[in-house]
Amino acid sequence: MAEKATLIATGVINPDEMEAFEYYTSHASVLLKEGGGEVIGKYKVVQHLIGEEPLSAFLVMEFPDDPSIIGVFESEEYKKLIPSRDKAFKKLDVFIAH
């Protein structure tokens, strides 16, 4: 059996593009859930302690395996969301962890 995989996404939301943020997050969350993801935690960062750029959002999801996560981000449906994603976030990092 494949090892479960954890998706971690950290971002700096662009406050001037909240419409793009709402559009991206609502559509991306559907794709992530359809890809087998289950939300473990979704957080708004309230205090920045260490690091160069304060984050505004933090998401943790669990997936059946690495290919499930990669499949979402390589899908044609997800690729259509990239222009909205690029407007919605000043910075976005997505990781797979075990």
C-alpha atoms as a PDB file:
ATOM      1  CA  MET A   1       0.000   0.000   0.000  1.00  0.00           C
ATOM      2  CA  ALA A   2       1.286   3.467  -0.917  1.00  0.00           C
ATOM      3  CA  GLU A   3       2.261   5.872   1.827  1.00  0.00           C
ATOM      4  CA  LYS A   4      -0.238   8.654   2.481  1.00  0.00           C
ATOM      5  CA  ALA A   5       0.937  12.081   1.380  1.00  0.00           C
ATOM      6  CA  THR A   6       0.396  15.458   2.962  1.00  0.00           C
ATOM      7  CA  LEU A   7      -0.057  18.592   0.887  1.00  0.00           C
ATOM      8  CA  ILE A   8       1.070  21.808   2.553  1.00  0.00           C
ATOM      9  CA  ALA A   9       0.292  25.132   0.880  1.00  0.00           C
ATOM     10  CA  THR A  10       1.422  28.499   2.209  1.00  0.00           C
ATOM     11  CA  GLY A  11       0.533  31.782   0.623  1.00  0.00           C
ATOM     12  CA  VAL A  12       0.492  35.536   0.702  1.00  0.00           C
ATOM     13  CA  ILE A  13      -2.918  36.669  -0.502  1.00  0.00           C
ATOM     14  CA  ASN A  14      -3.077  39.695  -2.797  1.00  0.00           C
ATOM     15  CA  PRO A  15      -5.610  41.954  -1.012  1.00  0.00           C
ATOM     16  CA  ASP A  16      -6.299  43.782  -4.294  1.00  0.00           C
ATOM     17  CA  GLU A  17      -7.483  40.560  -5.967  1.00  0.00           C
ATOM     18  CA  MET A  18     -10.008  39.078  -3.546  1.00  0.00           C
ATOM     19  CA  GLU A  19     -12.383  38.159  -6.368  1.00  0.00           C
ATOM     20  CA  ALA A  20      -9.618  36.102  -8.011  1.00  0.00           C
ATOM     21  CA  PHE A  21      -8.806  34.563  -4.606  1.00  0.00           C
ATOM     22  CA  GLU A  22     -12.420  33.489  -4.029  1.00  0.00           C
ATOM     23  CA  TYR A  23     -12.682  32.089  -7.557  1.00  0.00           C
ATOM     24  CA  TYR A  24      -9.394  30.193  -7.354  1.00  0.00           C
ATOM     25  CA  THR A  25      -9.903  28.742  -3.887  1.00  0.00           C
ATOM     26  CA  SER A  26     -13.477  27.627  -4.513  1.00  0.00           C
ATOM     27  CA  HIS A  27     -12.584  25.855  -7.772  1.00  0.00           C
ATOM     28  CA  ALA A  28      -9.212  24.474  -6.617  1.00  0.00           C
ATOM     29  CA  SER A  29     -10.745  23.019  -3.460  1.00  0.00           C
ATOM     30  CA  VAL A  30     -13.221  21.030  -5.552  1.00  0.00           C
ATOM     31  CA  LEU A  31     -10.390  19.619  -7.692  1.00  0.00           C
ATOM     32  CA  LEU A  32      -8.301  18.760  -4.634  1.00  0.00           C
ATOM     33  CA  LYS A  33     -11.204  16.927  -2.993  1.00  0.00           C
ATOM     34  CA  GLU A  34     -12.018  15.099  -6.238  1.00  0.00           C
ATOM     35  CA  GLY A  35      -8.335  14.086  -6.347  1.00  0.00           C
ATOM     36  CA  GLY A  36      -8.695  12.318  -3.014  1.00  0.00           C
ATOM     37  CA  GLY A  37      -7.723  15.155  -0.687  1.00  0.00           C
ATOM     38  CA  GLU A  38      -9.124  15.644   2.789  1.00  0.00           C
ATOM     39  CA  VAL A  39      -8.630  18.956   4.593  1.00  0.00           C
ATOM     40  CA  ILE A  40      -6.702  18.510   7.829  1.00  0.00           C
ATOM     41  CA  GLY A  41      -6.424  22.215   8.598  1.00  0.00           C
ATOM     42  CA  LYS A  42      -7.046  25.551   6.925  1.00  0.00           C
ATOM     43  CA  TYR A  43      -5.665  28.554   8.730  1.00  0.00           C
ATOM     44  CA  LYS A  44      -5.456  32.318   8.519  1.00  0.00           C
ATOM     45  CA  VAL A  45      -2.085  33.434   9.859  1.00  0.00           C
ATOM     46  CA  VAL A  46      -2.611  35.949  12.675  1.00  0.00           C
ATOM     47  CA  GLN A  47       0.955  36.636  13.791  1.00  0.00           C
ATOM     48  CA  HIS A  48       4.299  36.438  11.985  1.00  0.00           C
ATOM     49  CA  LEU A  49       7.201  35.434  14.226  1.00  0.00           C
ATOM     50  CA  ILE A  50      10.150  34.360  12.055  1.00  0.00           C
ATOM     51  CA  GLY A  51      10.924  34.654   8.358  1.00  0.00           C
ATOM     52  CA  GLU A  52      11.176  37.239   5.647  1.00  0.00           C
ATOM     53  CA  GLU A  53       7.636  37.571   4.324  1.00  0.00           C
ATOM     54  CA  PRO A  54       4.547  37.167   6.498  1.00  0.00           C
ATOM     55  CA  LEU A  55       2.138  34.507   5.265  1.00  0.00           C
ATOM     56  CA  SER A  56      -1.593  35.071   5.199  1.00  0.00           C
ATOM     57  CA  ALA A  57      -2.841  31.536   4.558  1.00  0.00           C
ATOM     58  CA  PHE A  58      -1.828  27.981   5.399  1.00  0.00           C
ATOM     59  CA  LEU A  59      -3.508  24.771   4.191  1.00  0.00           C
ATOM     60  CA  VAL A  60      -2.826  21.140   5.126  1.00  0.00           C
ATOM     61  CA  MET A  61      -4.506  18.242   3.283  1.00  0.00           C
ATOM     62  CA  GLU A  62      -4.015  14.488   3.328  1.00  0.00           C
ATOM     63  CA  PHE A  63      -4.060  12.418   0.119  1.00  0.00           C
ATOM     64  CA  PRO A  64      -3.847   8.689  -0.556  1.00  0.00           C
ATOM     65  CA  ASP A  65      -0.396   9.089  -2.165  1.00  0.00           C
ATOM     66  CA  ASP A  66       1.955  11.467  -4.019  1.00  0.00           C
ATOM     67  CA  PRO A  67       0.534  10.735  -7.502  1.00  0.00           C
ATOM     68  CA  SER A  68      -2.918  11.841  -6.318  1.00  0.00           C
ATOM     69  CA  ILE A  69      -1.571  15.317  -5.521  1.00  0.00           C
ATOM     70  CA  ILE A  70       0.552  15.574  -8.646  1.00  0.00           C
ATOM     71  CA  GLY A  71      -2.409  14.499 -10.768  1.00  0.00           C
ATOM     72  CA  VAL A  72      -4.485  17.440  -9.559  1.00  0.00           C
ATOM     73  CA  PHE A  73      -1.801  20.004 -10.355  1.00  0.00           C
ATOM     74  CA  GLU A  74      -1.067  18.489 -13.772  1.00  0.00           C
ATOM     75  CA  SER A  75      -4.749  18.267 -14.784  1.00  0.00           C
ATOM     76  CA  GLU A  76      -6.183  20.440 -17.543  1.00  0.00           C
ATOM     77  CA  GLU A  77      -8.893  21.656 -15.133  1.00  0.00           C
ATOM     78  CA  TYR A  78      -6.265  22.940 -12.711  1.00  0.00           C
ATOM     79  CA  LYS A  79      -4.185  24.553 -15.460  1.00  0.00           C
ATOM     80  CA  LYS A  80      -7.239  26.687 -16.334  1.00  0.00           C
ATOM     81  CA  LEU A  81      -7.109  28.124 -12.791  1.00  0.00           C
ATOM     82  CA  ILE A  82      -3.502  29.310 -13.011  1.00  0.00           C
ATOM     83  CA  PRO A  83      -4.314  32.871 -14.229  1.00  0.00           C
ATOM     84  CA  SER A  84      -6.669  33.343 -11.253  1.00  0.00           C
ATOM     85  CA  ARG A  85      -4.109  31.784  -8.910  1.00  0.00           C
ATOM     86  CA  ASP A  86      -1.416  34.142 -10.119  1.00  0.00           C
ATOM     87  CA  LYS A  87      -3.665  37.156  -9.449  1.00  0.00           C
ATOM     88  CA  ALA A  88      -4.916  35.857  -6.094  1.00  0.00           C
ATOM     89  CA  PHE A  89      -1.519  35.327  -4.478  1.00  0.00           C
ATOM     90  CA  LYS A  90       1.556  37.500  -4.219  1.00  0.00           C
ATOM     91  CA  LYS A  91       3.344  34.274  -3.281  1.00  0.00           C
ATOM     92  CA  LEU A  92       2.206  30.659  -3.139  1.00  0.00           C
ATOM     93  CA  ASP A  93       4.243  27.602  -2.187  1.00  0.00           C
ATOM     94  CA  VAL A  94       2.891  24.047  -2.342  1.00  0.00           C
ATOM     95  CA  PHE A  95       4.747  21.058  -0.909  1.00  0.00           C
ATOM     96  CA  ILE A  96       4.303  17.308  -0.617  1.00  0.00           C
ATOM     97  CA  ALA A  97       5.385  15.954   2.759  1.00  0.00           C
ATOM     98  CA  HIS A  98       5.503  12.554   4.479  1.00  0.00           C
END
